[in-house]
Protein backbone atom coordinates (compact mmCIF):
# COMPACT_ATOMS: atom_id res chain seq x y z
CA UNK A 1 0.00 0.00 0.00
CA UNK A 2 2.56 2.57 1.04
CA UNK A 3 5.20 3.82 -1.39
CA UNK A 4 7.85 4.05 1.35
CA UNK A 5 9.11 1.08 3.37
CA UNK A 6 7.68 0.92 6.86
CA UNK A 7 10.02 1.03 9.88
CA UNK A 8 10.59 -2.30 11.64
CA UNK A 9 8.63 -1.14 14.72
CA UNK A 10 5.58 -0.46 12.52
CA UNK A 11 5.97 -3.83 10.75
CA UNK A 12 6.17 -5.63 14.11
CA UNK A 13 2.99 -3.84 15.25
CA UNK A 14 1.18 -4.75 12.01
CA UNK A 15 2.13 -8.43 12.41
CA UNK A 16 0.04 -8.60 15.59
CA UNK A 17 -3.69 -9.38 15.44
CA UNK A 18 -4.98 -5.83 15.92
CA UNK A 19 -8.31 -4.29 14.88
CA UNK A 20 -8.20 -2.15 11.75
CA UNK A 21 -10.26 0.40 9.85
CA UNK A 22 -9.84 1.05 6.14
CA UNK A 23 -11.00 4.11 4.24
CA UNK A 24 -11.86 4.35 0.56
CA UNK A 25 -13.37 7.00 -1.71
CA UNK A 26 -16.71 6.64 -3.50
CA UNK A 27 -17.19 7.53 -7.17
CA UNK A 28 -18.62 10.88 -5.97
CA UNK A 29 -15.52 11.57 -3.83
CA UNK A 30 -17.11 10.83 -0.46
CA UNK A 31 -14.78 9.11 2.06
CA UNK A 32 -16.03 5.85 3.55
CA UNK A 33 -14.45 3.95 6.43
CA UNK A 34 -15.16 0.44 7.65
CA UNK A 35 -13.64 -2.15 9.96
CA UNK A 36 -11.68 -4.82 8.11
CA UNK A 37 -9.31 -7.75 8.46
CA UNK A 38 -5.78 -7.32 7.17
CA UNK A 39 -2.60 -9.31 6.82
CA UNK A 40 0.90 -7.99 6.31
CA UNK A 41 2.83 -10.13 3.89
CA UNK A 42 6.55 -10.96 4.11
CA UNK A 43 7.34 -8.31 1.46
CA UNK A 44 5.62 -5.59 3.53
CA UNK A 45 2.51 -5.34 1.36
CA UNK A 46 -0.79 -5.21 3.20
CA UNK A 47 -3.60 -7.51 2.16
CA UNK A 48 -7.13 -6.35 2.94
CA UNK A 49 -9.86 -8.94 3.11
CA UNK A 50 -13.42 -8.38 1.91
CA UNK A 51 -16.25 -10.15 0.15
CA UNK A 52 -16.56 -9.70 -3.60
CA UNK A 53 -19.93 -7.97 -3.19
CA UNK A 54 -18.71 -5.23 -0.82
CA UNK A 55 -19.08 -1.59 -1.83
CA UNK A 56 -15.53 -0.89 -0.64
CA UNK A 57 -14.21 -3.29 -3.28
CA UNK A 58 -16.05 -1.30 -5.96
CA UNK A 59 -14.55 1.89 -4.52
CA UNK A 60 -11.05 0.39 -4.76
CA UNK A 61 -11.67 -0.74 -8.33
CA UNK A 62 -12.78 2.79 -9.30
CA UNK A 63 -10.23 4.72 -7.24
CA UNK A 64 -7.27 2.77 -5.92
CA UNK A 65 -6.48 5.16 -3.07
CA UNK A 66 -6.85 3.59 0.36
CA UNK A 67 -5.96 4.30 3.96
CA UNK A 68 -5.61 1.76 6.76
CA UNK A 69 -5.44 2.52 10.47
CA UNK A 70 -4.50 -0.38 12.73
CA UNK A 71 -5.28 0.14 16.42
CA UNK A 72 -3.45 -1.49 19.31
CA UNK A 73 -5.69 -4.25 20.64
CA UNK A 74 -4.92 -3.23 24.24
CA UNK A 75 -4.49 0.52 23.69
CA UNK A 76 -6.44 2.31 20.95
CA UNK A 77 -4.17 5.32 21.47
CA UNK A 78 -1.39 3.27 19.91
CA UNK A 79 -1.88 2.94 16.19
CA UNK A 80 -0.22 2.79 12.80
CA UNK A 81 -1.83 4.53 9.82
CA UNK A 82 -0.72 4.03 6.24
CA UNK A 83 -1.98 5.55 3.03
CA UNK A 84 -1.33 4.21 -0.40
CA UNK A 85 -2.79 2.68 -3.50
CA UNK A 86 -4.01 -0.73 -4.58
CA UNK A 87 -1.32 -2.90 -6.16
CA UNK A 88 -3.63 -5.75 -7.14
CA UNK A 89 -7.10 -7.12 -6.59
CA UNK A 90 -7.47 -10.87 -6.73
CA UNK A 91 -10.00 -13.45 -5.59
CA UNK A 92 -9.19 -15.57 -2.54
CA UNK A 93 -9.57 -19.01 -4.08
CA UNK A 94 -10.85 -21.45 -1.48
CA UNK A 95 -10.55 -18.69 1.15
CA UNK A 96 -6.91 -19.70 1.65
CA UNK A 97 -5.69 -16.14 2.41
CA UNK A 98 -8.39 -15.31 4.98
CA UNK A 99 -7.60 -18.53 6.84
C-alpha atoms as a PDB file:
ATOM      1  CA  UNK A   1       0.000   0.000   0.000  1.00  0.00           C
ATOM      2  CA  UNK A   2       2.561   2.572   1.041  1.00  0.00           C
ATOM      3  CA  UNK A   3       5.197   3.824  -1.388  1.00  0.00           C
ATOM      4  CA  UNK A   4       7.847   4.047   1.349  1.00  0.00           C
ATOM      5  CA  UNK A   5       9.107   1.076   3.371  1.00  0.00           C
ATOM      6  CA  UNK A   6       7.683   0.921   6.864  1.00  0.00           C
ATOM      7  CA  UNK A   7      10.023   1.029   9.881  1.00  0.00           C
ATOM      8  CA  UNK A   8      10.593  -2.298  11.644  1.00  0.00           C
ATOM      9  CA  UNK A   9       8.627  -1.140  14.716  1.00  0.00           C
ATOM     10  CA  UNK A  10       5.577  -0.465  12.523  1.00  0.00           C
ATOM     11  CA  UNK A  11       5.969  -3.827  10.754  1.00  0.00           C
ATOM     12  CA  UNK A  12       6.165  -5.632  14.111  1.00  0.00           C
ATOM     13  CA  UNK A  13       2.992  -3.840  15.249  1.00  0.00           C
ATOM     14  CA  UNK A  14       1.184  -4.755  12.011  1.00  0.00           C
ATOM     15  CA  UNK A  15       2.127  -8.427  12.414  1.00  0.00           C
ATOM     16  CA  UNK A  16       0.043  -8.599  15.592  1.00  0.00           C
ATOM     17  CA  UNK A  17      -3.695  -9.376  15.441  1.00  0.00           C
ATOM     18  CA  UNK A  18      -4.978  -5.834  15.915  1.00  0.00           C
ATOM     19  CA  UNK A  19      -8.306  -4.295  14.885  1.00  0.00           C
ATOM     20  CA  UNK A  20      -8.203  -2.152  11.748  1.00  0.00           C
ATOM     21  CA  UNK A  21     -10.262   0.404   9.847  1.00  0.00           C
ATOM     22  CA  UNK A  22      -9.840   1.053   6.138  1.00  0.00           C
ATOM     23  CA  UNK A  23     -10.998   4.108   4.244  1.00  0.00           C
ATOM     24  CA  UNK A  24     -11.864   4.349   0.555  1.00  0.00           C
ATOM     25  CA  UNK A  25     -13.368   7.000  -1.707  1.00  0.00           C
ATOM     26  CA  UNK A  26     -16.706   6.642  -3.500  1.00  0.00           C
ATOM     27  CA  UNK A  27     -17.191   7.530  -7.169  1.00  0.00           C
ATOM     28  CA  UNK A  28     -18.623  10.882  -5.973  1.00  0.00           C
ATOM     29  CA  UNK A  29     -15.521  11.570  -3.833  1.00  0.00           C
ATOM     30  CA  UNK A  30     -17.108  10.830  -0.456  1.00  0.00           C
ATOM     31  CA  UNK A  31     -14.784   9.112   2.061  1.00  0.00           C
ATOM     32  CA  UNK A  32     -16.034   5.845   3.548  1.00  0.00           C
ATOM     33  CA  UNK A  33     -14.448   3.953   6.434  1.00  0.00           C
ATOM     34  CA  UNK A  34     -15.163   0.438   7.647  1.00  0.00           C
ATOM     35  CA  UNK A  35     -13.639  -2.151   9.958  1.00  0.00           C
ATOM     36  CA  UNK A  36     -11.677  -4.818   8.107  1.00  0.00           C
ATOM     37  CA  UNK A  37      -9.309  -7.745   8.464  1.00  0.00           C
ATOM     38  CA  UNK A  38      -5.783  -7.319   7.170  1.00  0.00           C
ATOM     39  CA  UNK A  39      -2.598  -9.315   6.818  1.00  0.00           C
ATOM     40  CA  UNK A  40       0.903  -7.986   6.315  1.00  0.00           C
ATOM     41  CA  UNK A  41       2.831 -10.127   3.894  1.00  0.00           C
ATOM     42  CA  UNK A  42       6.545 -10.958   4.109  1.00  0.00           C
ATOM     43  CA  UNK A  43       7.339  -8.310   1.465  1.00  0.00           C
ATOM     44  CA  UNK A  44       5.621  -5.586   3.530  1.00  0.00           C
ATOM     45  CA  UNK A  45       2.510  -5.338   1.360  1.00  0.00           C
ATOM     46  CA  UNK A  46      -0.787  -5.211   3.203  1.00  0.00           C
ATOM     47  CA  UNK A  47      -3.599  -7.509   2.161  1.00  0.00           C
ATOM     48  CA  UNK A  48      -7.126  -6.347   2.937  1.00  0.00           C
ATOM     49  CA  UNK A  49      -9.861  -8.942   3.109  1.00  0.00           C
ATOM     50  CA  UNK A  50     -13.423  -8.376   1.907  1.00  0.00           C
ATOM     51  CA  UNK A  51     -16.247 -10.151   0.151  1.00  0.00           C
ATOM     52  CA  UNK A  52     -16.562  -9.699  -3.602  1.00  0.00           C
ATOM     53  CA  UNK A  53     -19.929  -7.968  -3.185  1.00  0.00           C
ATOM     54  CA  UNK A  54     -18.711  -5.230  -0.819  1.00  0.00           C
ATOM     55  CA  UNK A  55     -19.078  -1.592  -1.829  1.00  0.00           C
ATOM     56  CA  UNK A  56     -15.525  -0.891  -0.642  1.00  0.00           C
ATOM     57  CA  UNK A  57     -14.212  -3.295  -3.282  1.00  0.00           C
ATOM     58  CA  UNK A  58     -16.046  -1.298  -5.960  1.00  0.00           C
ATOM     59  CA  UNK A  59     -14.545   1.888  -4.517  1.00  0.00           C
ATOM     60  CA  UNK A  60     -11.047   0.394  -4.763  1.00  0.00           C
ATOM     61  CA  UNK A  61     -11.666  -0.736  -8.329  1.00  0.00           C
ATOM     62  CA  UNK A  62     -12.783   2.789  -9.303  1.00  0.00           C
ATOM     63  CA  UNK A  63     -10.232   4.721  -7.244  1.00  0.00           C
ATOM     64  CA  UNK A  64      -7.268   2.767  -5.918  1.00  0.00           C
ATOM     65  CA  UNK A  65      -6.475   5.158  -3.067  1.00  0.00           C
ATOM     66  CA  UNK A  66      -6.852   3.589   0.361  1.00  0.00           C
ATOM     67  CA  UNK A  67      -5.957   4.300   3.957  1.00  0.00           C
ATOM     68  CA  UNK A  68      -5.613   1.761   6.759  1.00  0.00           C
ATOM     69  CA  UNK A  69      -5.442   2.517  10.468  1.00  0.00           C
ATOM     70  CA  UNK A  70      -4.499  -0.376  12.733  1.00  0.00           C
ATOM     71  CA  UNK A  71      -5.279   0.140  16.420  1.00  0.00           C
ATOM     72  CA  UNK A  72      -3.451  -1.486  19.308  1.00  0.00           C
ATOM     73  CA  UNK A  73      -5.689  -4.253  20.639  1.00  0.00           C
ATOM     74  CA  UNK A  74      -4.922  -3.228  24.238  1.00  0.00           C
ATOM     75  CA  UNK A  75      -4.492   0.518  23.690  1.00  0.00           C
ATOM     76  CA  UNK A  76      -6.437   2.311  20.951  1.00  0.00           C
ATOM     77  CA  UNK A  77      -4.170   5.323  21.473  1.00  0.00           C
ATOM     78  CA  UNK A  78      -1.386   3.272  19.911  1.00  0.00           C
ATOM     79  CA  UNK A  79      -1.882   2.935  16.186  1.00  0.00           C
ATOM     80  CA  UNK A  80      -0.218   2.790  12.796  1.00  0.00           C
ATOM     81  CA  UNK A  81      -1.832   4.532   9.818  1.00  0.00           C
ATOM     82  CA  UNK A  82      -0.720   4.027   6.240  1.00  0.00           C
ATOM     83  CA  UNK A  83      -1.977   5.553   3.031  1.00  0.00           C
ATOM     84  CA  UNK A  84      -1.333   4.206  -0.400  1.00  0.00           C
ATOM     85  CA  UNK A  85      -2.794   2.680  -3.501  1.00  0.00           C
ATOM     86  CA  UNK A  86      -4.008  -0.728  -4.584  1.00  0.00           C
ATOM     87  CA  UNK A  87      -1.321  -2.896  -6.159  1.00  0.00           C
ATOM     88  CA  UNK A  88      -3.627  -5.752  -7.137  1.00  0.00           C
ATOM     89  CA  UNK A  89      -7.099  -7.124  -6.586  1.00  0.00           C
ATOM     90  CA  UNK A  90      -7.470 -10.870  -6.726  1.00  0.00           C
ATOM     91  CA  UNK A  91     -10.003 -13.447  -5.589  1.00  0.00           C
ATOM     92  CA  UNK A  92      -9.192 -15.567  -2.545  1.00  0.00           C
ATOM     93  CA  UNK A  93      -9.573 -19.012  -4.079  1.00  0.00           C
ATOM     94  CA  UNK A  94     -10.846 -21.451  -1.480  1.00  0.00           C
ATOM     95  CA  UNK A  95     -10.546 -18.691   1.154  1.00  0.00           C
ATOM     96  CA  UNK A  96      -6.909 -19.696   1.651  1.00  0.00           C
ATOM     97  CA  UNK A  97      -5.694 -16.142   2.413  1.00  0.00           C
ATOM     98  CA  UNK A  98      -8.385 -15.310   4.982  1.00  0.00           C
ATOM     99  CA  UNK A  99      -7.598 -18.534   6.836  1.00  0.00           C
END
